[in-house]
């Protein structure tokens, strides 16, 4: 469950330009694939150095971590980060972290057993407990149902009914119009079949939302557009429905 880092390099006789593109994936997929999922605090940053494969001029530095909570995997001491301790280049996917900041990390080791992160890595900064609680609820639902996820290809979706209420400063959609007070914050896991138009044609609940369930599944078929990804060769997927 990680954003995939693409570094596209363009060279000319006089200039070198870096372009960064991140591909988002389902938080459920990222959790299942991660070697470690944890809440950490940055203790210190140090060790700037230049890595220069094929003249790319990539920069890295290190950060020592304090693990506050661990949801999956084992603790480790040092995180390697693309960028510098004082500045970053967004075009090169660099990331700037500072002492005292808290992050939720969902990461996998590289072939050498090291952890590297960029701006595309799944590493949201945690400002308030409520944001952490939202992630923790997702992790609990995945763990509760993990034994039933025999085909764990979680995909992202777009809710075509989603809108933003400027007056209330809230996102709304057709699901919440059913019963906003009871449905907001609910989670469900569904196995779905997708037609050629990337719409849902069949639904098998793994964990139901449990409120207005018939209407929920009707709206899933009506409003959700699935992003299945080029590498997938099947018409069956899992989605984590977040209301």
C-alpha atoms as a PDB file:
ATOM      1  CA  UNK A   1       0.000   0.000   0.000  1.00  0.00           C
ATOM      2  CA  UNK A   2       2.324   2.501  -1.203  1.00  0.00           C
ATOM      3  CA  UNK A   3       2.476   5.343  -3.669  1.00  0.00           C
ATOM      4  CA  UNK A   4       4.742   4.359  -6.504  1.00  0.00           C
ATOM      5  CA  UNK A   5       7.639   6.672  -7.192  1.00  0.00           C
ATOM      6  CA  UNK A   6       8.437   7.556 -10.753  1.00  0.00           C
ATOM      7  CA  UNK A   7      11.525   9.625 -11.441  1.00  0.00           C
ATOM      8  CA  UNK A   8      11.445  10.767 -15.052  1.00  0.00           C
ATOM      9  CA  UNK A   9      14.741  12.266 -16.073  1.00  0.00           C
ATOM     10  CA  UNK A  10      15.213  14.636 -18.970  1.00  0.00           C
ATOM     11  CA  UNK A  11      18.703  15.533 -20.091  1.00  0.00           C
ATOM     12  CA  UNK A  12      20.055  18.146 -22.455  1.00  0.00           C
ATOM     13  CA  UNK A  13      23.571  19.478 -23.088  1.00  0.00           C
ATOM     14  CA  UNK A  14      23.144  22.242 -20.505  1.00  0.00           C
ATOM     15  CA  UNK A  15      20.266  21.404 -18.196  1.00  0.00           C
ATOM     16  CA  UNK A  16      18.886  18.544 -16.178  1.00  0.00           C
ATOM     17  CA  UNK A  17      15.207  18.517 -15.166  1.00  0.00           C
ATOM     18  CA  UNK A  18      13.539  16.130 -12.731  1.00  0.00           C
ATOM     19  CA  UNK A  19       9.835  15.390 -12.885  1.00  0.00           C
ATOM     20  CA  UNK A  20       7.970  13.495 -10.182  1.00  0.00           C
ATOM     21  CA  UNK A  21       4.708  11.618 -10.518  1.00  0.00           C
ATOM     22  CA  UNK A  22       3.040   9.637  -7.732  1.00  0.00           C
ATOM     23  CA  UNK A  23       0.452   6.918  -8.341  1.00  0.00           C
ATOM     24  CA  UNK A  24      -2.000   6.550  -5.470  1.00  0.00           C
ATOM     25  CA  UNK A  25      -3.272   3.188  -4.248  1.00  0.00           C
ATOM     26  CA  UNK A  26      -5.854   2.042  -1.700  1.00  0.00           C
ATOM     27  CA  UNK A  27      -4.863   2.472   1.949  1.00  0.00           C
ATOM     28  CA  UNK A  28      -5.996  -1.123   2.506  1.00  0.00           C
ATOM     29  CA  UNK A  29      -3.607  -2.400  -0.172  1.00  0.00           C
ATOM     30  CA  UNK A  30      -0.799  -0.327   1.301  1.00  0.00           C
ATOM     31  CA  UNK A  31      -1.436  -1.703   4.785  1.00  0.00           C
ATOM     32  CA  UNK A  32      -1.457  -5.307   3.598  1.00  0.00           C
ATOM     33  CA  UNK A  33       1.762  -4.911   1.606  1.00  0.00           C
ATOM     34  CA  UNK A  34       3.742  -2.831   4.128  1.00  0.00           C
ATOM     35  CA  UNK A  35       6.556  -4.365   6.182  1.00  0.00           C
ATOM     36  CA  UNK A  36       5.958  -1.839   8.945  1.00  0.00           C
ATOM     37  CA  UNK A  37       2.985   0.322   9.934  1.00  0.00           C
ATOM     38  CA  UNK A  38       3.590   2.626  12.885  1.00  0.00           C
ATOM     39  CA  UNK A  39       3.271   6.065  14.465  1.00  0.00           C
ATOM     40  CA  UNK A  40       6.730   7.619  14.799  1.00  0.00           C
ATOM     41  CA  UNK A  41       8.330  10.841  15.988  1.00  0.00           C
ATOM     42  CA  UNK A  42      11.370  12.331  14.244  1.00  0.00           C
ATOM     43  CA  UNK A  43      14.161  12.490  16.861  1.00  0.00           C
ATOM     44  CA  UNK A  44      16.814  14.109  14.663  1.00  0.00           C
ATOM     45  CA  UNK A  45      17.881  14.544  11.042  1.00  0.00           C
ATOM     46  CA  UNK A  46      21.446  14.360   9.757  1.00  0.00           C
ATOM     47  CA  UNK A  47      23.875  12.916   7.214  1.00  0.00           C
ATOM     48  CA  UNK A  48      23.185  14.719   3.966  1.00  0.00           C
ATOM     49  CA  UNK A  49      24.862  13.076   0.994  1.00  0.00           C
ATOM     50  CA  UNK A  50      24.745  13.068  -2.762  1.00  0.00           C
ATOM     51  CA  UNK A  51      23.867   9.860  -4.588  1.00  0.00           C
ATOM     52  CA  UNK A  52      24.762  10.129  -8.229  1.00  0.00           C
ATOM     53  CA  UNK A  53      23.631   7.108 -10.289  1.00  0.00           C
ATOM     54  CA  UNK A  54      23.914   7.928 -14.005  1.00  0.00           C
ATOM     55  CA  UNK A  55      24.473  11.582 -13.187  1.00  0.00           C
ATOM     56  CA  UNK A  56      21.042  12.055 -11.625  1.00  0.00           C
ATOM     57  CA  UNK A  57      22.302  14.000  -8.620  1.00  0.00           C
ATOM     58  CA  UNK A  58      19.822  12.444  -6.162  1.00  0.00           C
ATOM     59  CA  UNK A  59      20.240  13.690  -2.585  1.00  0.00           C
ATOM     60  CA  UNK A  60      19.506  11.780   0.624  1.00  0.00           C
ATOM     61  CA  UNK A  61      19.687  12.323   4.365  1.00  0.00           C
ATOM     62  CA  UNK A  62      18.789  10.286   7.450  1.00  0.00           C
ATOM     63  CA  UNK A  63      16.342  10.583  10.332  1.00  0.00           C
ATOM     64  CA  UNK A  64      16.341   8.703  13.634  1.00  0.00           C
ATOM     65  CA  UNK A  65      12.877   7.603  14.736  1.00  0.00           C
ATOM     66  CA  UNK A  66      11.086   7.056  18.025  1.00  0.00           C
ATOM     67  CA  UNK A  67       8.256   4.543  17.671  1.00  0.00           C
ATOM     68  CA  UNK A  68       5.131   5.701  19.537  1.00  0.00           C
ATOM     69  CA  UNK A  69       2.751   2.959  18.335  1.00  0.00           C
ATOM     70  CA  UNK A  70       3.309  -0.045  16.100  1.00  0.00           C
ATOM     71  CA  UNK A  71       0.454  -1.696  14.237  1.00  0.00           C
ATOM     72  CA  UNK A  72       2.424  -4.089  12.060  1.00  0.00           C
ATOM     73  CA  UNK A  73       6.047  -5.219  11.714  1.00  0.00           C
ATOM     74  CA  UNK A  74       9.135  -4.400  13.772  1.00  0.00           C
ATOM     75  CA  UNK A  75      10.780  -1.174  14.899  1.00  0.00           C
ATOM     76  CA  UNK A  76      13.939   0.169  13.274  1.00  0.00           C
ATOM     77  CA  UNK A  77      16.190   3.133  14.021  1.00  0.00           C
ATOM     78  CA  UNK A  78      17.089   4.966  10.827  1.00  0.00           C
ATOM     79  CA  UNK A  79      14.929   6.202   7.970  1.00  0.00           C
ATOM     80  CA  UNK A  80      16.591   7.258   4.694  1.00  0.00           C
ATOM     81  CA  UNK A  81      14.936  10.225   2.966  1.00  0.00           C
ATOM     82  CA  UNK A  82      15.327  11.714  -0.495  1.00  0.00           C
ATOM     83  CA  UNK A  83      16.159  15.406  -0.145  1.00  0.00           C
ATOM     84  CA  UNK A  84      18.140  17.514   2.337  1.00  0.00           C
ATOM     85  CA  UNK A  85      17.619  18.548   5.960  1.00  0.00           C
ATOM     86  CA  UNK A  86      16.881  22.157   4.998  1.00  0.00           C
ATOM     87  CA  UNK A  87      15.168  22.195   1.603  1.00  0.00           C
ATOM     88  CA  UNK A  88      13.525  20.029  -1.011  1.00  0.00           C
ATOM     89  CA  UNK A  89      12.897  19.791  -4.730  1.00  0.00           C
ATOM     90  CA  UNK A  90       9.302  18.756  -5.388  1.00  0.00           C
ATOM     91  CA  UNK A  91      10.195  17.844  -8.953  1.00  0.00           C
ATOM     92  CA  UNK A  92      12.647  15.218  -7.680  1.00  0.00           C
ATOM     93  CA  UNK A  93      10.117  13.715  -5.221  1.00  0.00           C
ATOM     94  CA  UNK A  94      12.141  14.954  -2.240  1.00  0.00           C
ATOM     95  CA  UNK A  95      10.675  15.087   1.265  1.00  0.00           C
ATOM     96  CA  UNK A  96      11.487  17.384   4.204  1.00  0.00           C
ATOM     97  CA  UNK A  97      10.944  16.113   7.770  1.00  0.00           C
ATOM     98  CA  UNK A  98      11.922  17.915  10.971  1.00  0.00           C
ATOM     99  CA  UNK A  99      12.671  17.050  14.584  1.00  0.00           C
ATOM    100  CA  UNK A 100       9.552  16.597  16.716  1.00  0.00           C
ATOM    101  CA  UNK A 101       7.143  15.915  13.854  1.00  0.00           C
ATOM    102  CA  UNK A 102       4.888  12.862  14.074  1.00  0.00           C
ATOM    103  CA  UNK A 103       4.164  10.635  11.091  1.00  0.00           C
ATOM    104  CA  UNK A 104       2.179   7.512  10.360  1.00  0.00           C
ATOM    105  CA  UNK A 105       4.422   5.306   8.229  1.00  0.00           C
ATOM    106  CA  UNK A 106       3.334   2.457   5.935  1.00  0.00           C
ATOM    107  CA  UNK A 107       6.603   1.319   4.401  1.00  0.00           C
ATOM    108  CA  UNK A 108       8.430  -1.625   2.868  1.00  0.00           C
ATOM    109  CA  UNK A 109      12.155  -2.380   2.930  1.00  0.00           C
ATOM    110  CA  UNK A 110      14.251  -2.284  -0.191  1.00  0.00           C
ATOM    111  CA  UNK A 111      16.326  -5.265  -1.340  1.00  0.00           C
ATOM    112  CA  UNK A 112      19.094  -4.280   1.114  1.00  0.00           C
ATOM    113  CA  UNK A 113      16.713  -4.260   4.071  1.00  0.00           C
ATOM    114  CA  UNK A 114      16.677  -0.445   4.332  1.00  0.00           C
ATOM    115  CA  UNK A 115      13.769   1.962   4.478  1.00  0.00           C
ATOM    116  CA  UNK A 116      13.789   4.863   1.995  1.00  0.00           C
ATOM    117  CA  UNK A 117      11.052   7.484   1.604  1.00  0.00           C
ATOM    118  CA  UNK A 118      10.217  10.264  -0.837  1.00  0.00           C
ATOM    119  CA  UNK A 119       7.267  12.606  -1.251  1.00  0.00           C
ATOM    120  CA  UNK A 120       5.441   9.677  -2.877  1.00  0.00           C
ATOM    121  CA  UNK A 121       5.779   7.405   0.153  1.00  0.00           C
ATOM    122  CA  UNK A 122       2.819   6.677   2.408  1.00  0.00           C
ATOM    123  CA  UNK A 123       3.838   8.807   5.364  1.00  0.00           C
ATOM    124  CA  UNK A 124       1.097  11.280   6.385  1.00  0.00           C
ATOM    125  CA  UNK A 125       1.947  13.827   9.058  1.00  0.00           C
ATOM    126  CA  UNK A 126      -0.239  13.489  12.158  1.00  0.00           C
ATOM    127  CA  UNK A 127      -1.383  16.811  13.598  1.00  0.00           C
ATOM    128  CA  UNK A 128      -4.318  15.647  15.735  1.00  0.00           C
ATOM    129  CA  UNK A 129      -5.445  12.399  17.359  1.00  0.00           C
ATOM    130  CA  UNK A 130      -8.638  12.372  15.288  1.00  0.00           C
ATOM    131  CA  UNK A 131      -6.635  11.835  12.098  1.00  0.00           C
ATOM    132  CA  UNK A 132      -4.761   8.938  13.693  1.00  0.00           C
ATOM    133  CA  UNK A 133      -8.045   7.463  14.923  1.00  0.00           C
ATOM    134  CA  UNK A 134      -9.400   7.381  11.376  1.00  0.00           C
ATOM    135  CA  UNK A 135      -6.404   5.348  10.210  1.00  0.00           C
ATOM    136  CA  UNK A 136      -6.571   3.064  13.248  1.00  0.00           C
ATOM    137  CA  UNK A 137     -10.209   2.248  12.492  1.00  0.00           C
ATOM    138  CA  UNK A 138      -9.212   1.257   8.943  1.00  0.00           C
ATOM    139  CA  UNK A 139      -6.429  -0.994  10.256  1.00  0.00           C
ATOM    140  CA  UNK A 140      -8.822  -2.693  12.709  1.00  0.00           C
ATOM    141  CA  UNK A 141     -11.353  -3.433   9.960  1.00  0.00           C
ATOM    142  CA  UNK A 142      -8.655  -4.897   7.699  1.00  0.00           C
ATOM    143  CA  UNK A 143      -7.209  -7.077  10.472  1.00  0.00           C
ATOM    144  CA  UNK A 144     -10.667  -8.281  11.485  1.00  0.00           C
ATOM    145  CA  UNK A 145     -11.414  -9.425   7.944  1.00  0.00           C
ATOM    146  CA  UNK A 146      -7.930 -10.412   6.764  1.00  0.00           C
ATOM    147  CA  UNK A 147      -8.734 -14.139   6.827  1.00  0.00           C
ATOM    148  CA  UNK A 148     -11.505 -13.534   4.263  1.00  0.00           C
ATOM    149  CA  UNK A 149      -9.360 -11.516   1.888  1.00  0.00           C
ATOM    150  CA  UNK A 150      -8.314 -14.462  -0.264  1.00  0.00           C
ATOM    151  CA  UNK A 151      -7.871 -12.187  -3.261  1.00  0.00           C
ATOM    152  CA  UNK A 152      -6.398  -9.020  -1.756  1.00  0.00           C
ATOM    153  CA  UNK A 153      -6.423  -6.700  -4.755  1.00  0.00           C
ATOM    154  CA  UNK A 154      -7.756  -3.530  -3.227  1.00  0.00           C
ATOM    155  CA  UNK A 155      -8.411  -0.730  -5.673  1.00  0.00           C
ATOM    156  CA  UNK A 156      -9.239   2.952  -5.501  1.00  0.00           C
ATOM    157  CA  UNK A 157     -12.561   4.361  -6.586  1.00  0.00           C
ATOM    158  CA  UNK A 158     -14.095   7.710  -7.420  1.00  0.00           C
ATOM    159  CA  UNK A 159     -17.546   8.560  -6.064  1.00  0.00           C
ATOM    160  CA  UNK A 160     -19.253  10.463  -8.876  1.00  0.00           C
ATOM    161  CA  UNK A 161     -21.807  11.899  -6.435  1.00  0.00           C
ATOM    162  CA  UNK A 162     -19.215  13.525  -4.185  1.00  0.00           C
ATOM    163  CA  UNK A 163     -19.465  17.265  -3.645  1.00  0.00           C
ATOM    164  CA  UNK A 164     -18.136  19.868  -1.221  1.00  0.00           C
ATOM    165  CA  UNK A 165     -20.498  21.911   0.941  1.00  0.00           C
ATOM    166  CA  UNK A 166     -18.877  25.347   1.084  1.00  0.00           C
ATOM    167  CA  UNK A 167     -21.158  26.565   3.856  1.00  0.00           C
ATOM    168  CA  UNK A 168     -20.530  23.628   6.207  1.00  0.00           C
ATOM    169  CA  UNK A 169     -16.974  22.985   4.962  1.00  0.00           C
ATOM    170  CA  UNK A 170     -17.743  19.289   4.547  1.00  0.00           C
ATOM    171  CA  UNK A 171     -17.610  16.704   1.794  1.00  0.00           C
ATOM    172  CA  UNK A 172     -20.981  15.185   1.033  1.00  0.00           C
ATOM    173  CA  UNK A 173     -22.238  12.432  -1.277  1.00  0.00           C
ATOM    174  CA  UNK A 174     -25.314  10.327  -1.995  1.00  0.00           C
ATOM    175  CA  UNK A 175     -24.352   7.805   0.696  1.00  0.00           C
ATOM    176  CA  UNK A 176     -24.388  10.398   3.462  1.00  0.00           C
ATOM    177  CA  UNK A 177     -27.702  11.789   2.233  1.00  0.00           C
ATOM    178  CA  UNK A 178     -29.251   8.490   3.333  1.00  0.00           C
ATOM    179  CA  UNK A 179     -28.436   9.213   6.973  1.00  0.00           C
ATOM    180  CA  UNK A 180     -25.429  11.495   7.494  1.00  0.00           C
ATOM    181  CA  UNK A 181     -25.428  11.292  11.287  1.00  0.00           C
ATOM    182  CA  UNK A 182     -25.243   7.494  11.421  1.00  0.00           C
ATOM    183  CA  UNK A 183     -23.191   6.812   8.286  1.00  0.00           C
ATOM    184  CA  UNK A 184     -20.360   9.351   8.492  1.00  0.00           C
ATOM    185  CA  UNK A 185     -17.148   7.548   9.418  1.00  0.00           C
ATOM    186  CA  UNK A 186     -18.489   4.047   8.711  1.00  0.00           C
ATOM    187  CA  UNK A 187     -16.276   1.502   6.930  1.00  0.00           C
ATOM    188  CA  UNK A 188     -17.075  -1.563   4.842  1.00  0.00           C
ATOM    189  CA  UNK A 189     -15.156  -4.091   2.760  1.00  0.00           C
ATOM    190  CA  UNK A 190     -16.742  -5.441  -0.420  1.00  0.00           C
ATOM    191  CA  UNK A 191     -15.629  -7.857  -3.096  1.00  0.00           C
ATOM    192  CA  UNK A 192     -16.845  -6.506  -6.422  1.00  0.00           C
ATOM    193  CA  UNK A 193     -16.968  -7.470 -10.059  1.00  0.00           C
ATOM    194  CA  UNK A 194     -16.295  -4.731 -12.597  1.00  0.00           C
ATOM    195  CA  UNK A 195     -17.703  -4.308 -16.097  1.00  0.00           C
ATOM    196  CA  UNK A 196     -15.922  -2.825 -19.111  1.00  0.00           C
ATOM    197  CA  UNK A 197     -17.016   0.684 -18.099  1.00  0.00           C
ATOM    198  CA  UNK A 198     -15.225   0.372 -14.727  1.00  0.00           C
ATOM    199  CA  UNK A 199     -18.553   0.266 -12.930  1.00  0.00           C
ATOM    200  CA  UNK A 200     -19.578  -2.324 -10.330  1.00  0.00           C
ATOM    201  CA  UNK A 201     -21.758  -5.118 -11.703  1.00  0.00           C
ATOM    202  CA  UNK A 202     -21.817  -7.482  -8.701  1.00  0.00           C
ATOM    203  CA  UNK A 203     -21.170  -7.078  -4.956  1.00  0.00           C
ATOM    204  CA  UNK A 204     -20.228  -9.666  -2.322  1.00  0.00           C
ATOM    205  CA  UNK A 205     -20.024  -8.060   1.163  1.00  0.00           C
ATOM    206  CA  UNK A 206     -17.057  -9.021   3.350  1.00  0.00           C
ATOM    207  CA  UNK A 207     -17.947  -6.537   6.079  1.00  0.00           C
ATOM    208  CA  UNK A 208     -21.140  -4.592   5.524  1.00  0.00           C
ATOM    209  CA  UNK A 209     -21.649  -0.960   6.407  1.00  0.00           C
ATOM    210  CA  UNK A 210     -24.695  -2.363   8.195  1.00  0.00           C
ATOM    211  CA  UNK A 211     -26.963   0.670   7.889  1.00  0.00           C
ATOM    212  CA  UNK A 212     -29.200   1.206   4.860  1.00  0.00           C
ATOM    213  CA  UNK A 213     -27.313  -1.707   3.326  1.00  0.00           C
ATOM    214  CA  UNK A 214     -29.562  -2.273   0.319  1.00  0.00           C
ATOM    215  CA  UNK A 215     -29.426   1.403  -0.629  1.00  0.00           C
ATOM    216  CA  UNK A 216     -25.654   1.480   0.020  1.00  0.00           C
ATOM    217  CA  UNK A 217     -25.033  -1.302  -2.494  1.00  0.00           C
ATOM    218  CA  UNK A 218     -27.369   0.302  -5.043  1.00  0.00           C
ATOM    219  CA  UNK A 219     -25.408   3.555  -4.761  1.00  0.00           C
ATOM    220  CA  UNK A 220     -22.116   1.667  -5.091  1.00  0.00           C
ATOM    221  CA  UNK A 221     -23.255   0.320  -8.467  1.00  0.00           C
ATOM    222  CA  UNK A 222     -24.660   3.669  -9.537  1.00  0.00           C
ATOM    223  CA  UNK A 223     -21.928   6.089  -8.433  1.00  0.00           C
ATOM    224  CA  UNK A 224     -18.574   4.364  -7.956  1.00  0.00           C
ATOM    225  CA  UNK A 225     -16.025   4.299 -10.756  1.00  0.00           C
ATOM    226  CA  UNK A 226     -13.188   1.846 -10.115  1.00  0.00           C
ATOM    227  CA  UNK A 227      -9.520   2.453 -10.935  1.00  0.00           C
ATOM    228  CA  UNK A 228      -8.334  -1.100 -11.488  1.00  0.00           C
ATOM    229  CA  UNK A 229      -4.790  -0.425 -12.719  1.00  0.00           C
ATOM    230  CA  UNK A 230      -3.073  -1.647 -15.846  1.00  0.00           C
ATOM    231  CA  UNK A 231      -1.428  -4.680 -14.247  1.00  0.00           C
ATOM    232  CA  UNK A 232      -4.633  -6.350 -13.090  1.00  0.00           C
ATOM    233  CA  UNK A 233      -5.908  -9.197 -15.286  1.00  0.00           C
ATOM    234  CA  UNK A 234      -9.215  -9.927 -13.605  1.00  0.00           C
ATOM    235  CA  UNK A 235     -12.645  -8.383 -13.159  1.00  0.00           C
ATOM    236  CA  UNK A 236     -12.810  -9.073  -9.385  1.00  0.00           C
ATOM    237  CA  UNK A 237     -11.456  -6.695  -6.762  1.00  0.00           C
ATOM    238  CA  UNK A 238     -11.834  -5.555  -3.168  1.00  0.00           C
ATOM    239  CA  UNK A 239     -12.766  -2.026  -2.177  1.00  0.00           C
ATOM    240  CA  UNK A 240     -12.646  -0.369   1.226  1.00  0.00           C
ATOM    241  CA  UNK A 241     -15.747   1.819   1.354  1.00  0.00           C
ATOM    242  CA  UNK A 242     -15.162   4.881   3.563  1.00  0.00           C
ATOM    243  CA  UNK A 243     -18.161   7.085   4.354  1.00  0.00           C
END
